[in-house]
Amino acid sequence: MNKGEDVSNTAVNYTLYSQSVSELPDEEMEALASGCEFNRGVTSLGAPSYSYVWGDGLKITCNVLHQDKMAEHLNGFVGYVKQICAGAVESRVHQIVSNIRATRLVVGIVVEGGPDQRGRVEELIGCMCGGLTSLMFYGNSIYNHEGALLLGPRA
Protein backbone atom coordinates (compact mmCIF):
# COMPACT_ATOMS: atom_id res chain seq x y z
CA MET A 1 0.00 0.00 0.00
CA ASN A 2 1.29 3.42 -0.86
CA LYS A 3 1.29 6.30 1.59
CA GLY A 4 -1.99 8.12 1.22
CA GLU A 5 -3.76 5.23 -0.50
CA ASP A 6 -7.50 5.37 0.26
CA VAL A 7 -8.82 2.09 1.65
CA SER A 8 -12.07 3.53 3.04
CA ASN A 9 -14.38 1.37 0.90
CA THR A 10 -12.37 -1.83 0.62
CA ALA A 11 -10.27 -4.15 2.71
CA VAL A 12 -6.66 -4.61 1.66
CA ASN A 13 -5.02 -7.95 2.50
CA TYR A 14 -1.41 -8.88 3.13
CA THR A 15 0.07 -12.18 4.31
CA LEU A 16 3.45 -12.53 6.01
CA TYR A 17 5.40 -15.80 5.97
CA SER A 18 8.18 -15.96 8.57
CA GLN A 19 10.86 -18.61 8.48
CA SER A 20 12.65 -17.18 11.53
CA VAL A 21 10.02 -17.16 14.30
CA SER A 22 7.02 -19.27 15.25
CA GLU A 23 5.04 -16.74 17.27
CA LEU A 24 4.49 -13.01 17.54
CA PRO A 25 5.86 -11.36 20.69
CA ASP A 26 2.95 -9.63 22.46
CA GLU A 27 5.09 -6.80 23.84
CA GLU A 28 6.50 -5.93 20.43
CA MET A 29 3.09 -6.10 18.77
CA GLU A 30 1.77 -3.64 21.36
CA ALA A 31 4.80 -1.38 20.83
CA LEU A 32 3.67 -0.97 17.19
CA ALA A 33 0.47 0.71 18.46
CA SER A 34 1.63 4.31 18.52
CA GLY A 35 -1.30 6.71 18.70
CA CYS A 36 -4.08 4.16 18.39
CA GLU A 37 -6.28 1.79 20.34
CA PHE A 38 -4.60 -1.62 20.60
CA ASN A 39 -6.48 -4.85 21.29
CA ARG A 40 -5.16 -8.36 21.78
CA GLY A 41 -7.52 -11.25 21.13
CA VAL A 42 -7.83 -14.72 19.64
CA THR A 43 -9.20 -15.99 16.34
CA SER A 44 -12.09 -18.47 16.17
CA LEU A 45 -9.48 -21.26 16.12
CA GLY A 46 -7.69 -19.94 19.18
CA ALA A 47 -4.69 -18.30 17.49
CA PRO A 48 -3.50 -14.81 18.51
CA SER A 49 -5.06 -11.73 16.92
CA TYR A 50 -4.06 -8.07 17.22
CA SER A 51 -5.94 -4.97 16.13
CA TYR A 52 -4.91 -1.34 15.80
CA VAL A 53 -7.65 1.28 15.44
CA TRP A 54 -7.05 5.00 14.88
CA GLY A 55 -9.59 7.76 15.50
CA ASP A 56 -9.88 8.55 11.79
CA GLY A 57 -11.25 5.06 10.99
CA LEU A 58 -8.08 3.27 9.93
CA LYS A 59 -8.01 -0.28 11.29
CA ILE A 60 -5.29 -2.91 10.91
CA THR A 61 -5.99 -6.46 12.08
CA CYS A 62 -3.25 -9.11 12.31
CA ASN A 63 -4.40 -12.71 12.64
CA VAL A 64 -1.97 -15.57 13.20
CA LEU A 65 -2.81 -18.70 11.23
CA HIS A 66 -3.42 -21.61 13.61
CA GLN A 67 -0.74 -24.31 13.42
CA ASP A 68 -3.39 -26.91 12.51
CA LYS A 69 -4.11 -25.01 9.27
CA MET A 70 -0.50 -24.19 8.36
CA ALA A 71 0.44 -27.24 6.24
CA GLU A 72 -2.69 -27.01 4.09
CA HIS A 73 -2.24 -23.27 3.58
CA LEU A 74 1.45 -23.55 2.68
CA ASN A 75 0.79 -26.40 0.23
CA GLY A 76 -1.83 -24.24 -1.46
CA PHE A 77 0.57 -21.30 -1.62
CA VAL A 78 3.31 -23.47 -3.14
CA GLY A 79 0.81 -24.69 -5.75
CA TYR A 80 -0.15 -21.10 -6.56
CA VAL A 81 3.52 -20.09 -6.95
CA LYS A 82 4.27 -23.02 -9.26
CA GLN A 83 1.17 -22.25 -11.33
CA ILE A 84 2.04 -18.60 -11.91
CA CYS A 85 5.75 -19.30 -12.43
CA ALA A 86 5.57 -21.10 -15.74
CA GLY A 87 8.57 -19.79 -17.65
CA ALA A 88 10.18 -18.04 -14.68
CA VAL A 89 13.81 -18.55 -13.71
CA GLU A 90 13.89 -21.99 -12.08
CA SER A 91 16.39 -21.06 -9.36
CA ARG A 92 14.23 -18.10 -8.28
CA VAL A 93 11.12 -20.29 -8.10
CA HIS A 94 13.02 -22.98 -6.19
CA GLN A 95 14.24 -20.45 -3.61
CA ILE A 96 10.75 -19.00 -3.09
CA VAL A 97 9.21 -22.47 -2.72
CA SER A 98 11.97 -23.48 -0.28
CA ASN A 99 11.27 -20.39 1.82
CA ILE A 100 7.53 -21.09 1.81
CA ARG A 101 8.11 -24.69 2.90
CA ALA A 102 10.38 -23.47 5.75
CA THR A 103 7.67 -21.11 7.07
CA ARG A 104 7.07 -21.31 10.81
CA LEU A 105 4.52 -18.48 11.17
CA VAL A 106 1.80 -17.10 8.89
CA VAL A 107 0.13 -13.77 9.71
CA GLY A 108 -2.83 -12.46 7.74
CA ILE A 109 -3.23 -8.69 7.82
CA VAL A 110 -6.42 -6.84 6.90
CA VAL A 111 -6.40 -3.06 6.47
CA GLU A 112 -9.73 -1.22 6.55
CA GLY A 113 -10.78 2.41 6.65
CA GLY A 114 -8.52 5.26 5.84
CA PRO A 115 -7.14 7.13 3.95
CA ASP A 116 -3.68 6.66 5.41
CA GLN A 117 -1.97 9.99 4.74
CA ARG A 118 0.56 9.41 7.51
CA GLY A 119 1.99 6.08 6.29
CA ARG A 120 0.84 4.08 9.31
CA VAL A 121 0.09 0.94 7.29
CA GLU A 122 3.46 1.04 5.57
CA GLU A 123 5.22 1.62 8.89
CA LEU A 124 3.44 -1.16 10.81
CA ILE A 125 3.78 -3.76 8.05
CA GLY A 126 7.37 -2.70 7.36
CA CYS A 127 8.26 -3.18 11.04
CA MET A 128 6.62 -6.59 11.07
CA CYS A 129 8.33 -7.72 7.84
CA GLY A 130 11.71 -6.58 9.10
CA GLY A 131 11.28 -8.09 12.55
CA LEU A 132 9.99 -11.40 11.22
CA THR A 133 12.35 -11.42 8.19
CA SER A 134 9.30 -12.65 6.32
CA LEU A 135 8.09 -13.02 2.79
CA MET A 136 5.08 -10.84 2.08
CA PHE A 137 2.25 -11.71 -0.29
CA TYR A 138 0.35 -8.66 -1.49
CA GLY A 139 -1.45 -7.86 -4.72
CA ASN A 140 -0.63 -11.21 -6.39
CA SER A 141 3.08 -10.59 -5.78
CA ILE A 142 5.69 -11.86 -3.34
CA TYR A 143 8.18 -9.50 -1.69
CA ASN A 144 11.13 -10.12 0.61
CA HIS A 145 11.32 -8.62 4.12
CA GLU A 146 12.93 -5.46 2.71
CA GLY A 147 10.12 -4.89 0.22
CA ALA A 148 11.98 -6.05 -2.90
CA LEU A 149 9.73 -7.73 -5.47
CA LEU A 150 10.62 -11.44 -5.82
CA LEU A 151 7.76 -12.70 -7.95
CA GLY A 152 4.93 -10.87 -9.62
CA PRO A 153 3.94 -8.88 -12.66
CA ARG A 154 7.13 -6.77 -12.67
CA ALA A 155 9.62 -9.37 -11.38
C-alpha atoms as a PDB file:
ATOM      1  CA  MET A   1       0.000   0.000   0.000  1.00  0.00           C
ATOM      2  CA  ASN A   2       1.285   3.422  -0.855  1.00  0.00           C
ATOM      3  CA  LYS A   3       1.292   6.296   1.591  1.00  0.00           C
ATOM      4  CA  GLY A   4      -1.988   8.123   1.222  1.00  0.00           C
ATOM      5  CA  GLU A   5      -3.765   5.231  -0.500  1.00  0.00           C
ATOM      6  CA  ASP A   6      -7.497   5.375   0.257  1.00  0.00           C
ATOM      7  CA  VAL A   7      -8.822   2.086   1.649  1.00  0.00           C
ATOM      8  CA  SER A   8     -12.068   3.527   3.038  1.00  0.00           C
ATOM      9  CA  ASN A   9     -14.382   1.368   0.897  1.00  0.00           C
ATOM     10  CA  THR A  10     -12.367  -1.825   0.620  1.00  0.00           C
ATOM     11  CA  ALA A  11     -10.272  -4.151   2.713  1.00  0.00           C
ATOM     12  CA  VAL A  12      -6.659  -4.614   1.657  1.00  0.00           C
ATOM     13  CA  ASN A  13      -5.024  -7.945   2.498  1.00  0.00           C
ATOM     14  CA  TYR A  14      -1.406  -8.883   3.134  1.00  0.00           C
ATOM     15  CA  THR A  15       0.070 -12.180   4.308  1.00  0.00           C
ATOM     16  CA  LEU A  16       3.445 -12.527   6.009  1.00  0.00           C
ATOM     17  CA  TYR A  17       5.398 -15.796   5.974  1.00  0.00           C
ATOM     18  CA  SER A  18       8.185 -15.960   8.565  1.00  0.00           C
ATOM     19  CA  GLN A  19      10.863 -18.611   8.478  1.00  0.00           C
ATOM     20  CA  SER A  20      12.652 -17.182  11.533  1.00  0.00           C
ATOM     21  CA  VAL A  21      10.017 -17.164  14.298  1.00  0.00           C
ATOM     22  CA  SER A  22       7.020 -19.273  15.254  1.00  0.00           C
ATOM     23  CA  GLU A  23       5.035 -16.739  17.274  1.00  0.00           C
ATOM     24  CA  LEU A  24       4.485 -13.014  17.540  1.00  0.00           C
ATOM     25  CA  PRO A  25       5.857 -11.358  20.685  1.00  0.00           C
ATOM     26  CA  ASP A  26       2.951  -9.626  22.461  1.00  0.00           C
ATOM     27  CA  GLU A  27       5.087  -6.802  23.839  1.00  0.00           C
ATOM     28  CA  GLU A  28       6.501  -5.926  20.428  1.00  0.00           C
ATOM     29  CA  MET A  29       3.093  -6.097  18.773  1.00  0.00           C
ATOM     30  CA  GLU A  30       1.774  -3.641  21.356  1.00  0.00           C
ATOM     31  CA  ALA A  31       4.800  -1.383  20.828  1.00  0.00           C
ATOM     32  CA  LEU A  32       3.669  -0.969  17.189  1.00  0.00           C
ATOM     33  CA  ALA A  33       0.474   0.707  18.460  1.00  0.00           C
ATOM     34  CA  SER A  34       1.634   4.306  18.517  1.00  0.00           C
ATOM     35  CA  GLY A  35      -1.300   6.711  18.704  1.00  0.00           C
ATOM     36  CA  CYS A  36      -4.076   4.156  18.387  1.00  0.00           C
ATOM     37  CA  GLU A  37      -6.284   1.787  20.341  1.00  0.00           C
ATOM     38  CA  PHE A  38      -4.598  -1.624  20.599  1.00  0.00           C
ATOM     39  CA  ASN A  39      -6.483  -4.847  21.290  1.00  0.00           C
ATOM     40  CA  ARG A  40      -5.156  -8.358  21.783  1.00  0.00           C
ATOM     41  CA  GLY A  41      -7.521 -11.254  21.132  1.00  0.00           C
ATOM     42  CA  VAL A  42      -7.834 -14.720  19.635  1.00  0.00           C
ATOM     43  CA  THR A  43      -9.197 -15.993  16.339  1.00  0.00           C
ATOM     44  CA  SER A  44     -12.094 -18.466  16.172  1.00  0.00           C
ATOM     45  CA  LEU A  45      -9.484 -21.264  16.116  1.00  0.00           C
ATOM     46  CA  GLY A  46      -7.690 -19.938  19.177  1.00  0.00           C
ATOM     47  CA  ALA A  47      -4.688 -18.296  17.490  1.00  0.00           C
ATOM     48  CA  PRO A  48      -3.499 -14.811  18.506  1.00  0.00           C
ATOM     49  CA  SER A  49      -5.057 -11.734  16.924  1.00  0.00           C
ATOM     50  CA  TYR A  50      -4.060  -8.070  17.220  1.00  0.00           C
ATOM     51  CA  SER A  51      -5.943  -4.966  16.133  1.00  0.00           C
ATOM     52  CA  TYR A  52      -4.912  -1.339  15.802  1.00  0.00           C
ATOM     53  CA  VAL A  53      -7.648   1.285  15.443  1.00  0.00           C
ATOM     54  CA  TRP A  54      -7.053   5.001  14.885  1.00  0.00           C
ATOM     55  CA  GLY A  55      -9.591   7.760  15.501  1.00  0.00           C
ATOM     56  CA  ASP A  56      -9.880   8.552  11.787  1.00  0.00           C
ATOM     57  CA  GLY A  57     -11.249   5.059  10.988  1.00  0.00           C
ATOM     58  CA  LEU A  58      -8.083   3.267   9.927  1.00  0.00           C
ATOM     59  CA  LYS A  59      -8.012  -0.282  11.295  1.00  0.00           C
ATOM     60  CA  ILE A  60      -5.291  -2.912  10.912  1.00  0.00           C
ATOM     61  CA  THR A  61      -5.994  -6.457  12.083  1.00  0.00           C
ATOM     62  CA  CYS A  62      -3.254  -9.108  12.305  1.00  0.00           C
ATOM     63  CA  ASN A  63      -4.402 -12.715  12.637  1.00  0.00           C
ATOM     64  CA  VAL A  64      -1.965 -15.568  13.201  1.00  0.00           C
ATOM     65  CA  LEU A  65      -2.813 -18.697  11.229  1.00  0.00           C
ATOM     66  CA  HIS A  66      -3.417 -21.608  13.613  1.00  0.00           C
ATOM     67  CA  GLN A  67      -0.735 -24.308  13.417  1.00  0.00           C
ATOM     68  CA  ASP A  68      -3.393 -26.915  12.509  1.00  0.00           C
ATOM     69  CA  LYS A  69      -4.114 -25.010   9.269  1.00  0.00           C
ATOM     70  CA  MET A  70      -0.499 -24.189   8.356  1.00  0.00           C
ATOM     71  CA  ALA A  71       0.438 -27.243   6.238  1.00  0.00           C
ATOM     72  CA  GLU A  72      -2.689 -27.009   4.090  1.00  0.00           C
ATOM     73  CA  HIS A  73      -2.237 -23.268   3.583  1.00  0.00           C
ATOM     74  CA  LEU A  74       1.451 -23.553   2.678  1.00  0.00           C
ATOM     75  CA  ASN A  75       0.795 -26.395   0.230  1.00  0.00           C
ATOM     76  CA  GLY A  76      -1.834 -24.241  -1.464  1.00  0.00           C
ATOM     77  CA  PHE A  77       0.565 -21.297  -1.623  1.00  0.00           C
ATOM     78  CA  VAL A  78       3.313 -23.468  -3.144  1.00  0.00           C
ATOM     79  CA  GLY A  79       0.811 -24.693  -5.748  1.00  0.00           C
ATOM     80  CA  TYR A  80      -0.146 -21.103  -6.562  1.00  0.00           C
ATOM     81  CA  VAL A  81       3.515 -20.086  -6.952  1.00  0.00           C
ATOM     82  CA  LYS A  82       4.266 -23.025  -9.255  1.00  0.00           C
ATOM     83  CA  GLN A  83       1.172 -22.255 -11.331  1.00  0.00           C
ATOM     84  CA  ILE A  84       2.042 -18.596 -11.906  1.00  0.00           C
ATOM     85  CA  CYS A  85       5.754 -19.304 -12.426  1.00  0.00           C
ATOM     86  CA  ALA A  86       5.569 -21.097 -15.740  1.00  0.00           C
ATOM     87  CA  GLY A  87       8.567 -19.787 -17.649  1.00  0.00           C
ATOM     88  CA  ALA A  88      10.183 -18.044 -14.677  1.00  0.00           C
ATOM     89  CA  VAL A  89      13.814 -18.553 -13.712  1.00  0.00           C
ATOM     90  CA  GLU A  90      13.889 -21.990 -12.082  1.00  0.00           C
ATOM     91  CA  SER A  91      16.394 -21.062  -9.358  1.00  0.00           C
ATOM     92  CA  ARG A  92      14.230 -18.105  -8.284  1.00  0.00           C
ATOM     93  CA  VAL A  93      11.118 -20.291  -8.098  1.00  0.00           C
ATOM     94  CA  HIS A  94      13.017 -22.985  -6.186  1.00  0.00           C
ATOM     95  CA  GLN A  95      14.240 -20.446  -3.611  1.00  0.00           C
ATOM     96  CA  ILE A  96      10.748 -18.998  -3.089  1.00  0.00           C
ATOM     97  CA  VAL A  97       9.208 -22.475  -2.719  1.00  0.00           C
ATOM     98  CA  SER A  98      11.969 -23.475  -0.284  1.00  0.00           C
ATOM     99  CA  ASN A  99      11.265 -20.388   1.816  1.00  0.00           C
ATOM    100  CA  ILE A 100       7.533 -21.089   1.815  1.00  0.00           C
ATOM    101  CA  ARG A 101       8.110 -24.692   2.896  1.00  0.00           C
ATOM    102  CA  ALA A 102      10.375 -23.470   5.748  1.00  0.00           C
ATOM    103  CA  THR A 103       7.673 -21.109   7.067  1.00  0.00           C
ATOM    104  CA  ARG A 104       7.072 -21.306  10.812  1.00  0.00           C
ATOM    105  CA  LEU A 105       4.520 -18.484  11.174  1.00  0.00           C
ATOM    106  CA  VAL A 106       1.800 -17.096   8.894  1.00  0.00           C
ATOM    107  CA  VAL A 107       0.133 -13.771   9.705  1.00  0.00           C
ATOM    108  CA  GLY A 108      -2.828 -12.465   7.740  1.00  0.00           C
ATOM    109  CA  ILE A 109      -3.227  -8.692   7.824  1.00  0.00           C
ATOM    110  CA  VAL A 110      -6.423  -6.845   6.904  1.00  0.00           C
ATOM    111  CA  VAL A 111      -6.401  -3.062   6.470  1.00  0.00           C
ATOM    112  CA  GLU A 112      -9.729  -1.219   6.546  1.00  0.00           C
ATOM    113  CA  GLY A 113     -10.783   2.412   6.654  1.00  0.00           C
ATOM    114  CA  GLY A 114      -8.517   5.257   5.839  1.00  0.00           C
ATOM    115  CA  PRO A 115      -7.143   7.129   3.945  1.00  0.00           C
ATOM    116  CA  ASP A 116      -3.676   6.657   5.411  1.00  0.00           C
ATOM    117  CA  GLN A 117      -1.971   9.988   4.741  1.00  0.00           C
ATOM    118  CA  ARG A 118       0.557   9.412   7.511  1.00  0.00           C
ATOM    119  CA  GLY A 119       1.988   6.082   6.289  1.00  0.00           C
ATOM    120  CA  ARG A 120       0.842   4.078   9.313  1.00  0.00           C
ATOM    121  CA  VAL A 121       0.089   0.936   7.290  1.00  0.00           C
ATOM    122  CA  GLU A 122       3.456   1.041   5.569  1.00  0.00           C
ATOM    123  CA  GLU A 123       5.220   1.616   8.894  1.00  0.00           C
ATOM    124  CA  LEU A 124       3.443  -1.163  10.809  1.00  0.00           C
ATOM    125  CA  ILE A 125       3.784  -3.759   8.053  1.00  0.00           C
ATOM    126  CA  GLY A 126       7.369  -2.700   7.365  1.00  0.00           C
ATOM    127  CA  CYS A 127       8.259  -3.178  11.039  1.00  0.00           C
ATOM    128  CA  MET A 128       6.617  -6.590  11.072  1.00  0.00           C
ATOM    129  CA  CYS A 129       8.332  -7.717   7.844  1.00  0.00           C
ATOM    130  CA  GLY A 130      11.713  -6.579   9.103  1.00  0.00           C
ATOM    131  CA  GLY A 131      11.278  -8.091  12.546  1.00  0.00           C
ATOM    132  CA  LEU A 132       9.988 -11.396  11.217  1.00  0.00           C
ATOM    133  CA  THR A 133      12.347 -11.421   8.193  1.00  0.00           C
ATOM    134  CA  SER A 134       9.298 -12.646   6.320  1.00  0.00           C
ATOM    135  CA  LEU A 135       8.095 -13.023   2.792  1.00  0.00           C
ATOM    136  CA  MET A 136       5.075 -10.840   2.080  1.00  0.00           C
ATOM    137  CA  PHE A 137       2.247 -11.713  -0.288  1.00  0.00           C
ATOM    138  CA  TYR A 138       0.349  -8.662  -1.495  1.00  0.00           C
ATOM    139  CA  GLY A 139      -1.453  -7.855  -4.722  1.00  0.00           C
ATOM    140  CA  ASN A 140      -0.633 -11.208  -6.393  1.00  0.00           C
ATOM    141  CA  SER A 141       3.080 -10.590  -5.781  1.00  0.00           C
ATOM    142  CA  ILE A 142       5.691 -11.864  -3.341  1.00  0.00           C
ATOM    143  CA  TYR A 143       8.184  -9.499  -1.693  1.00  0.00           C
ATOM    144  CA  ASN A 144      11.130 -10.118   0.609  1.00  0.00           C
ATOM    145  CA  HIS A 145      11.323  -8.615   4.115  1.00  0.00           C
ATOM    146  CA  GLU A 146      12.934  -5.457   2.710  1.00  0.00           C
ATOM    147  CA  GLY A 147      10.122  -4.887   0.216  1.00  0.00           C
ATOM    148  CA  ALA A 148      11.975  -6.054  -2.905  1.00  0.00           C
ATOM    149  CA  LEU A 149       9.728  -7.735  -5.467  1.00  0.00           C
ATOM    150  CA  LEU A 150      10.620 -11.438  -5.817  1.00  0.00           C
ATOM    151  CA  LEU A 151       7.757 -12.705  -7.947  1.00  0.00           C
ATOM    152  CA  GLY A 152       4.934 -10.869  -9.622  1.00  0.00           C
ATOM    153  CA  PRO A 153       3.944  -8.879 -12.657  1.00  0.00           C
ATOM    154  CA  ARG A 154       7.130  -6.770 -12.667  1.00  0.00           C
ATOM    155  CA  ALA A 155       9.622  -9.372 -11.382  1.00  0.00           C
END
